[in-house]
Amino acid sequence: MSLIKDTLFASPIESVSSFKFDSAVVNVFADMIQRSVPGYQTIIYAIGLVADRYAKEHTVCYDLGCSLGAATLSMRHQISTQHCKIIAVDNSPDMLRQFKKTLDEDDGHQEVDVVCADIRDVPIKNASVVVLNFTLQFILVEDRYDFLQKIYQGLMPGGVLILSEKLRFEDQRQQSLQTDLHHLFKKSQGYSDLEISQKRSALENVLIAETFVEHQQRLQSVGFSSVEVWFQYFNFASIVALK
């Protein structure tokens, strides 16, 4: 199936409003995220690999902030453990409507429950794997500790959290470098300077990035015994936290 090209910010917008995961974004989201997040497909594939290693029989794998379900489908097709249910959660009805259409045509064998809810309100129980793939960055910073603590408490001993995030850098030279490299990546994917600028304005105060150290210290403070980056491409990284 061909992707609908993202042109949401291609024309000048007099007043750029805050970014929302509405129907307009849903229609182009698959194209948008592949052209905006360096290494996205690598991360998605590896989520399935990691999930297969940690998924246990009669436990649950959570994809929190699942959007169109890319991480869920990666887990569904790579987890070999039997009787391991996947719960995919998102608060965008438009996203889930499209995801359910994809799921209806998918031939994966793992059971998938799709839930429309705020991920902060979803109970985490009997979990062997939890995925937050570019999701935490959209949650208020002051809510992140309690949310991650709930995830930790809901994980079984030996469980894993996969956390992918856009990173911020304390050193302003690094921040400038990594931002410029990301913009060059987006230009190489066909985005114009206008699109990059307007998208950046839309995400301001919506996507709040933190440093790796901030993520690491918070995850360790809620109880995770090991927190490391397994993948980084410019200012986008994926972290594995082990219970």
C-alpha atoms as a PDB file:
ATOM      1  CA  MET A   1       0.000   0.000   0.000  1.00  0.00           C
ATOM      2  CA  SER A   2       1.461   3.372  -1.074  1.00  0.00           C
ATOM      3  CA  LEU A   3       1.844   6.033   1.588  1.00  0.00           C
ATOM      4  CA  ILE A   4       0.020   9.345   1.395  1.00  0.00           C
ATOM      5  CA  LYS A   5       2.706  12.034   1.240  1.00  0.00           C
ATOM      6  CA  ASP A   6       2.935  14.432   4.157  1.00  0.00           C
ATOM      7  CA  THR A   7       2.358  17.973   2.868  1.00  0.00           C
ATOM      8  CA  LEU A   8       0.653  19.379   5.979  1.00  0.00           C
ATOM      9  CA  PHE A   9       3.207  22.162   6.407  1.00  0.00           C
ATOM     10  CA  ALA A  10       4.139  22.668   2.740  1.00  0.00           C
ATOM     11  CA  SER A  11       2.244  25.959   2.346  1.00  0.00           C
ATOM     12  CA  PRO A  12       2.717  29.082   4.471  1.00  0.00           C
ATOM     13  CA  ILE A  13       0.504  29.090   7.570  1.00  0.00           C
ATOM     14  CA  GLU A  14      -0.332  32.500   9.037  1.00  0.00           C
ATOM     15  CA  SER A  15      -0.593  31.189  12.578  1.00  0.00           C
ATOM     16  CA  VAL A  16       0.820  27.716  13.227  1.00  0.00           C
ATOM     17  CA  SER A  17      -1.293  25.892  15.816  1.00  0.00           C
ATOM     18  CA  SER A  18      -0.036  23.262  18.235  1.00  0.00           C
ATOM     19  CA  PHE A  19       0.549  19.819  16.781  1.00  0.00           C
ATOM     20  CA  LYS A  20      -2.313  17.354  17.271  1.00  0.00           C
ATOM     21  CA  PHE A  21      -2.782  13.741  16.259  1.00  0.00           C
ATOM     22  CA  ASP A  22      -5.995  14.527  14.389  1.00  0.00           C
ATOM     23  CA  SER A  23      -7.426  12.989  11.212  1.00  0.00           C
ATOM     24  CA  ALA A  24      -5.224  15.152   8.974  1.00  0.00           C
ATOM     25  CA  VAL A  25      -2.078  13.869  10.698  1.00  0.00           C
ATOM     26  CA  VAL A  26      -3.350  10.277  10.736  1.00  0.00           C
ATOM     27  CA  ASN A  27      -3.778  10.297   6.958  1.00  0.00           C
ATOM     28  CA  VAL A  28      -0.090  11.089   6.395  1.00  0.00           C
ATOM     29  CA  PHE A  29       1.431   9.770   9.628  1.00  0.00           C
ATOM     30  CA  ALA A  30       3.123   6.700   8.157  1.00  0.00           C
ATOM     31  CA  ASP A  31       4.979   8.881   5.649  1.00  0.00           C
ATOM     32  CA  MET A  32       5.584  11.659   8.172  1.00  0.00           C
ATOM     33  CA  ILE A  33       7.288   9.551  10.807  1.00  0.00           C
ATOM     34  CA  GLN A  34       9.503   7.657   8.355  1.00  0.00           C
ATOM     35  CA  ARG A  35      10.705  10.923   6.808  1.00  0.00           C
ATOM     36  CA  SER A  36      11.022  12.730  10.145  1.00  0.00           C
ATOM     37  CA  VAL A  37      12.610  10.187  12.511  1.00  0.00           C
ATOM     38  CA  PRO A  38      16.047   8.901  11.467  1.00  0.00           C
ATOM     39  CA  GLY A  39      16.314   5.141  11.884  1.00  0.00           C
ATOM     40  CA  TYR A  40      12.592   4.663  12.516  1.00  0.00           C
ATOM     41  CA  GLN A  41      12.267   1.369  10.647  1.00  0.00           C
ATOM     42  CA  THR A  42      15.357  -0.015  12.379  1.00  0.00           C
ATOM     43  CA  ILE A  43      13.839   0.814  15.759  1.00  0.00           C
ATOM     44  CA  ILE A  44      10.502  -0.756  14.837  1.00  0.00           C
ATOM     45  CA  TYR A  45      12.107  -3.994  13.675  1.00  0.00           C
ATOM     46  CA  ALA A  46      14.354  -4.198  16.743  1.00  0.00           C
ATOM     47  CA  ILE A  47      11.392  -3.715  19.091  1.00  0.00           C
ATOM     48  CA  GLY A  48      10.104  -7.051  17.826  1.00  0.00           C
ATOM     49  CA  LEU A  49      13.497  -8.676  18.360  1.00  0.00           C
ATOM     50  CA  VAL A  50      13.783  -7.427  21.940  1.00  0.00           C
ATOM     51  CA  ALA A  51      10.175  -8.332  22.683  1.00  0.00           C
ATOM     52  CA  ASP A  52      10.750 -11.883  21.475  1.00  0.00           C
ATOM     53  CA  ARG A  53      13.652 -12.225  23.915  1.00  0.00           C
ATOM     54  CA  TYR A  54      11.692 -10.971  26.946  1.00  0.00           C
ATOM     55  CA  ALA A  55       8.081 -11.986  26.302  1.00  0.00           C
ATOM     56  CA  LYS A  56       6.926 -14.744  28.626  1.00  0.00           C
ATOM     57  CA  GLU A  57       4.027 -17.154  28.325  1.00  0.00           C
ATOM     58  CA  HIS A  58       0.783 -15.925  29.912  1.00  0.00           C
ATOM     59  CA  THR A  59       2.072 -12.338  30.273  1.00  0.00           C
ATOM     60  CA  VAL A  60       1.190  -9.095  28.516  1.00  0.00           C
ATOM     61  CA  CYS A  61       3.179  -6.876  26.155  1.00  0.00           C
ATOM     62  CA  TYR A  62       2.054  -3.241  26.129  1.00  0.00           C
ATOM     63  CA  ASP A  63       2.481  -0.770  23.268  1.00  0.00           C
ATOM     64  CA  LEU A  64       1.629   2.538  24.934  1.00  0.00           C
ATOM     65  CA  GLY A  65       0.948   5.322  22.454  1.00  0.00           C
ATOM     66  CA  CYS A  66       0.715   2.808  19.628  1.00  0.00           C
ATOM     67  CA  SER A  67      -0.455   5.275  16.904  1.00  0.00           C
ATOM     68  CA  LEU A  68      -0.865   3.184  13.729  1.00  0.00           C
ATOM     69  CA  GLY A  69       0.475   0.084  15.472  1.00  0.00           C
ATOM     70  CA  ALA A  70       3.900  -0.327  13.882  1.00  0.00           C
ATOM     71  CA  ALA A  71       5.550  -1.536  17.109  1.00  0.00           C
ATOM     72  CA  THR A  72       2.577  -3.770  17.919  1.00  0.00           C
ATOM     73  CA  LEU A  73       2.791  -5.460  14.526  1.00  0.00           C
ATOM     74  CA  SER A  74       6.549  -5.898  14.882  1.00  0.00           C
ATOM     75  CA  MET A  75       5.996  -7.662  18.202  1.00  0.00           C
ATOM     76  CA  ARG A  76       3.064  -9.664  16.869  1.00  0.00           C
ATOM     77  CA  HIS A  77       5.148 -11.116  14.054  1.00  0.00           C
ATOM     78  CA  GLN A  78       8.368 -11.726  15.983  1.00  0.00           C
ATOM     79  CA  ILE A  79       7.286 -12.949  19.420  1.00  0.00           C
ATOM     80  CA  SER A  80       7.515 -16.732  19.321  1.00  0.00           C
ATOM     81  CA  THR A  81       6.212 -17.312  22.858  1.00  0.00           C
ATOM     82  CA  GLN A  82       2.706 -18.735  22.943  1.00  0.00           C
ATOM     83  CA  HIS A  83      -0.202 -17.229  24.888  1.00  0.00           C
ATOM     84  CA  CYS A  84       1.340 -13.770  25.142  1.00  0.00           C
ATOM     85  CA  LYS A  85      -1.209 -11.011  24.593  1.00  0.00           C
ATOM     86  CA  ILE A  86      -0.384  -7.555  23.227  1.00  0.00           C
ATOM     87  CA  ILE A  87      -2.334  -4.532  24.461  1.00  0.00           C
ATOM     88  CA  ALA A  88      -2.038  -1.500  22.160  1.00  0.00           C
ATOM     89  CA  VAL A  89      -3.183   1.818  23.609  1.00  0.00           C
ATOM     90  CA  ASP A  90      -3.657   5.263  22.090  1.00  0.00           C
ATOM     91  CA  ASN A  91      -5.884   8.242  22.837  1.00  0.00           C
ATOM     92  CA  SER A  92      -6.492   9.141  19.178  1.00  0.00           C
ATOM     93  CA  PRO A  93      -9.678   7.514  17.810  1.00  0.00           C
ATOM     94  CA  ASP A  94      -8.548   8.407  14.285  1.00  0.00           C
ATOM     95  CA  MET A  95      -5.240   6.580  14.756  1.00  0.00           C
ATOM     96  CA  LEU A  96      -6.919   3.498  16.188  1.00  0.00           C
ATOM     97  CA  ARG A  97      -9.587   3.429  13.498  1.00  0.00           C
ATOM     98  CA  GLN A  98      -6.867   3.158  10.849  1.00  0.00           C
ATOM     99  CA  PHE A  99      -4.831   0.701  12.929  1.00  0.00           C
ATOM    100  CA  LYS A 100      -7.824  -1.619  13.320  1.00  0.00           C
ATOM    101  CA  LYS A 101      -8.205  -1.740   9.533  1.00  0.00           C
ATOM    102  CA  THR A 102      -4.575  -2.802   9.253  1.00  0.00           C
ATOM    103  CA  LEU A 103      -5.019  -5.330  12.047  1.00  0.00           C
ATOM    104  CA  ASP A 104      -8.033  -6.900  10.320  1.00  0.00           C
ATOM    105  CA  GLU A 105      -5.831  -7.672   7.317  1.00  0.00           C
ATOM    106  CA  ASP A 106      -2.826  -8.811   9.332  1.00  0.00           C
ATOM    107  CA  ASP A 107      -1.944 -12.494   9.625  1.00  0.00           C
ATOM    108  CA  GLY A 108       0.032 -12.346  12.896  1.00  0.00           C
ATOM    109  CA  HIS A 109      -0.753 -15.033  15.458  1.00  0.00           C
ATOM    110  CA  GLN A 110      -0.492 -13.138  18.764  1.00  0.00           C
ATOM    111  CA  GLU A 111      -3.716 -11.804  20.290  1.00  0.00           C
ATOM    112  CA  VAL A 112      -3.982  -7.999  20.170  1.00  0.00           C
ATOM    113  CA  ASP A 113      -6.358  -5.848  22.218  1.00  0.00           C
ATOM    114  CA  VAL A 114      -6.730  -2.267  20.981  1.00  0.00           C
ATOM    115  CA  VAL A 115      -7.675   0.267  23.666  1.00  0.00           C
ATOM    116  CA  CYS A 116      -8.622   3.917  23.190  1.00  0.00           C
ATOM    117  CA  ALA A 117      -7.508   5.684  26.372  1.00  0.00           C
ATOM    118  CA  ASP A 118      -4.997   8.030  27.927  1.00  0.00           C
ATOM    119  CA  ILE A 119      -1.977   5.785  28.508  1.00  0.00           C
ATOM    120  CA  ARG A 120      -1.552   7.299  31.980  1.00  0.00           C
ATOM    121  CA  ASP A 121      -4.923   5.824  32.959  1.00  0.00           C
ATOM    122  CA  VAL A 122      -4.301   2.265  31.747  1.00  0.00           C
ATOM    123  CA  PRO A 123      -3.454  -0.330  34.433  1.00  0.00           C
ATOM    124  CA  ILE A 124      -0.152  -2.108  33.761  1.00  0.00           C
ATOM    125  CA  LYS A 125      -0.375  -5.673  35.017  1.00  0.00           C
ATOM    126  CA  ASN A 126       1.531  -8.910  34.466  1.00  0.00           C
ATOM    127  CA  ALA A 127       3.748  -7.259  31.863  1.00  0.00           C
ATOM    128  CA  SER A 128       6.886  -8.791  30.418  1.00  0.00           C
ATOM    129  CA  VAL A 129       7.427  -6.050  27.797  1.00  0.00           C
ATOM    130  CA  VAL A 130       6.373  -2.390  27.712  1.00  0.00           C
ATOM    131  CA  VAL A 131       7.016  -0.165  24.694  1.00  0.00           C
ATOM    132  CA  LEU A 132       6.953   3.639  24.724  1.00  0.00           C
ATOM    133  CA  ASN A 133       7.975   4.458  21.169  1.00  0.00           C
ATOM    134  CA  PHE A 134       8.262   8.256  20.879  1.00  0.00           C
ATOM    135  CA  THR A 135       5.421   8.634  23.355  1.00  0.00           C
ATOM    136  CA  LEU A 136       6.800   9.823  26.702  1.00  0.00           C
ATOM    137  CA  GLN A 137       7.980  13.048  25.067  1.00  0.00           C
ATOM    138  CA  PHE A 138       4.343  14.123  24.651  1.00  0.00           C
ATOM    139  CA  ILE A 139       3.500  13.623  28.339  1.00  0.00           C
ATOM    140  CA  LEU A 140       3.897  16.505  30.784  1.00  0.00           C
ATOM    141  CA  VAL A 141       7.340  16.329  32.388  1.00  0.00           C
ATOM    142  CA  GLU A 142       5.824  16.484  35.875  1.00  0.00           C
ATOM    143  CA  ASP A 143       3.727  13.382  35.110  1.00  0.00           C
ATOM    144  CA  ARG A 144       6.575  11.238  33.797  1.00  0.00           C
ATOM    145  CA  TYR A 145       7.952   9.918  37.093  1.00  0.00           C
ATOM    146  CA  ASP A 146       4.628   8.581  38.381  1.00  0.00           C
ATOM    147  CA  PHE A 147       3.791   7.134  34.965  1.00  0.00           C
ATOM    148  CA  LEU A 148       7.101   5.274  34.704  1.00  0.00           C
ATOM    149  CA  GLN A 149       6.818   4.107  38.299  1.00  0.00           C
ATOM    150  CA  LYS A 150       3.454   2.551  37.459  1.00  0.00           C
ATOM    151  CA  ILE A 151       5.024   0.800  34.481  1.00  0.00           C
ATOM    152  CA  TYR A 152       7.877  -0.502  36.627  1.00  0.00           C
ATOM    153  CA  GLN A 153       5.483  -1.832  39.228  1.00  0.00           C
ATOM    154  CA  GLY A 154       3.412  -3.569  36.546  1.00  0.00           C
ATOM    155  CA  LEU A 155       6.422  -5.286  34.980  1.00  0.00           C
ATOM    156  CA  MET A 156       7.287  -8.826  35.992  1.00  0.00           C
ATOM    157  CA  PRO A 157      10.795  -9.412  37.415  1.00  0.00           C
ATOM    158  CA  GLY A 158      13.147  -9.653  34.444  1.00  0.00           C
ATOM    159  CA  GLY A 159      10.844  -7.522  32.287  1.00  0.00           C
ATOM    160  CA  VAL A 160      11.927  -4.831  29.834  1.00  0.00           C
ATOM    161  CA  LEU A 161      10.876  -1.303  28.964  1.00  0.00           C
ATOM    162  CA  ILE A 162      11.783  -0.045  25.471  1.00  0.00           C
ATOM    163  CA  LEU A 163      11.734   3.758  25.462  1.00  0.00           C
ATOM    164  CA  SER A 164      12.369   5.702  22.234  1.00  0.00           C
ATOM    165  CA  GLU A 165      12.676   9.493  22.478  1.00  0.00           C
ATOM    166  CA  LYS A 166      13.917  12.626  20.808  1.00  0.00           C
ATOM    167  CA  LEU A 167      16.866  13.808  22.912  1.00  0.00           C
ATOM    168  CA  ARG A 168      17.988  17.198  24.155  1.00  0.00           C
ATOM    169  CA  PHE A 169      21.668  17.972  24.816  1.00  0.00           C
ATOM    170  CA  GLU A 170      23.097  20.032  27.679  1.00  0.00           C
ATOM    171  CA  ASP A 171      26.078  21.150  25.609  1.00  0.00           C
ATOM    172  CA  GLN A 172      24.751  23.843  23.268  1.00  0.00           C
ATOM    173  CA  ARG A 173      27.303  22.920  20.591  1.00  0.00           C
ATOM    174  CA  GLN A 174      25.943  19.386  20.562  1.00  0.00           C
ATOM    175  CA  GLN A 175      22.353  20.650  20.629  1.00  0.00           C
ATOM    176  CA  SER A 176      23.016  22.865  17.629  1.00  0.00           C
ATOM    177  CA  LEU A 177      24.902  20.128  15.776  1.00  0.00           C
ATOM    178  CA  GLN A 178      22.316  17.411  16.370  1.00  0.00           C
ATOM    179  CA  THR A 179      19.437  19.748  15.458  1.00  0.00           C
ATOM    180  CA  ASP A 180      21.159  20.806  12.233  1.00  0.00           C
ATOM    181  CA  LEU A 181      21.894  17.191  11.320  1.00  0.00           C
ATOM    182  CA  HIS A 182      18.258  16.263  11.914  1.00  0.00           C
ATOM    183  CA  HIS A 183      17.115  19.117   9.679  1.00  0.00           C
ATOM    184  CA  LEU A 184      19.555  18.002   6.981  1.00  0.00           C
ATOM    185  CA  PHE A 185      18.121  14.504   7.264  1.00  0.00           C
ATOM    186  CA  LYS A 186      14.591  15.863   6.796  1.00  0.00           C
ATOM    187  CA  LYS A 187      15.707  17.900   3.766  1.00  0.00           C
ATOM    188  CA  SER A 188      17.210  14.735   2.298  1.00  0.00           C
ATOM    189  CA  GLN A 189      13.764  13.155   2.693  1.00  0.00           C
ATOM    190  CA  GLY A 190      12.159  15.903   0.615  1.00  0.00           C
ATOM    191  CA  TYR A 191      10.987  18.356   3.272  1.00  0.00           C
ATOM    192  CA  SER A 192      11.484  22.057   2.515  1.00  0.00           C
ATOM    193  CA  ASP A 193      12.893  24.650   4.912  1.00  0.00           C
ATOM    194  CA  LEU A 194       9.358  26.026   5.277  1.00  0.00           C
ATOM    195  CA  GLU A 195       7.946  22.612   6.221  1.00  0.00           C
ATOM    196  CA  ILE A 196      10.728  22.008   8.730  1.00  0.00           C
ATOM    197  CA  SER A 197      10.267  25.434  10.320  1.00  0.00           C
ATOM    198  CA  GLN A 198       6.479  25.260  10.563  1.00  0.00           C
ATOM    199  CA  LYS A 199       6.507  21.703  11.913  1.00  0.00           C
ATOM    200  CA  ARG A 200       9.053  22.749  14.527  1.00  0.00           C
ATOM    201  CA  SER A 201       6.782  25.624  15.592  1.00  0.00           C
ATOM    202  CA  ALA A 202       3.789  23.281  15.829  1.00  0.00           C
ATOM    203  CA  LEU A 203       5.703  20.905  18.107  1.00  0.00           C
ATOM    204  CA  GLU A 204       7.060  23.613  20.403  1.00  0.00           C
ATOM    205  CA  ASN A 205       5.667  23.143  23.924  1.00  0.00           C
ATOM    206  CA  VAL A 206       4.005  19.901  22.747  1.00  0.00           C
ATOM    207  CA  LEU A 207       7.044  17.648  22.379  1.00  0.00           C
ATOM    208  CA  ILE A 208       9.310  18.232  25.399  1.00  0.00           C
ATOM    209  CA  ALA A 209      12.645  16.487  24.910  1.00  0.00           C
ATOM    210  CA  GLU A 210      15.016  15.601  27.739  1.00  0.00           C
ATOM    211  CA  THR A 211      18.639  14.502  27.927  1.00  0.00           C
ATOM    212  CA  PHE A 212      19.611  10.842  28.126  1.00  0.00           C
ATOM    213  CA  VAL A 213      20.941  11.443  31.643  1.00  0.00           C
ATOM    214  CA  GLU A 214      17.553  12.795  32.724  1.00  0.00           C
ATOM    215  CA  HIS A 215      15.831   9.718  31.311  1.00  0.00           C
ATOM    216  CA  GLN A 216      18.404   7.379  32.825  1.00  0.00           C
ATOM    217  CA  GLN A 217      18.257   8.912  36.289  1.00  0.00           C
ATOM    218  CA  ARG A 218      14.454   8.892  36.350  1.00  0.00           C
ATOM    219  CA  LEU A 219      14.254   5.276  35.205  1.00  0.00           C
ATOM    220  CA  GLN A 220      16.810   4.215  37.793  1.00  0.00           C
ATOM    221  CA  SER A 221      15.002   6.155  40.504  1.00  0.00           C
ATOM    222  CA  VAL A 222      11.752   4.260  39.871  1.00  0.00           C
ATOM    223  CA  GLY A 223      13.661   0.985  40.191  1.00  0.00           C
ATOM    224  CA  PHE A 224      15.130  -0.127  36.850  1.00  0.00           C
ATOM    225  CA  SER A 225      18.485  -1.774  37.509  1.00  0.00           C
ATOM    226  CA  SER A 226      20.018  -1.171  34.071  1.00  0.00           C
ATOM    227  CA  VAL A 227      19.294   1.655  31.610  1.00  0.00           C
ATOM    228  CA  GLU A 228      21.266   1.978  28.375  1.00  0.00           C
ATOM    229  CA  VAL A 229      20.935   3.380  24.875  1.00  0.00           C
ATOM    230  CA  TRP A 230      20.885   0.590  22.303  1.00  0.00           C
ATOM    231  CA  PHE A 231      20.341   2.842  19.258  1.00  0.00           C
ATOM    232  CA  GLN A 232      20.950   6.482  18.413  1.00  0.00           C
ATOM    233  CA  TYR A 233      20.743   8.387  15.141  1.00  0.00           C
ATOM    234  CA  PHE A 234      21.439  12.118  15.649  1.00  0.00           C
ATOM    235  CA  ASN A 235      18.993  13.389  18.310  1.00  0.00           C
ATOM    236  CA  PHE A 236      16.748  10.330  18.279  1.00  0.00           C
ATOM    237  CA  ALA A 237      17.499   7.391  20.546  1.00  0.00           C
ATOM    238  CA  SER A 238      16.005   4.180  21.858  1.00  0.00           C
ATOM    239  CA  ILE A 239      16.676   2.992  25.395  1.00  0.00           C
ATOM    240  CA  VAL A 240      16.378  -0.417  27.022  1.00  0.00           C
ATOM    241  CA  ALA A 241      15.559  -0.437  30.739  1.00  0.00           C
ATOM    242  CA  LEU A 242      15.730  -3.764  32.574  1.00  0.00           C
ATOM    243  CA  LYS A 243      13.891  -4.708  35.758  1.00  0.00           C
END
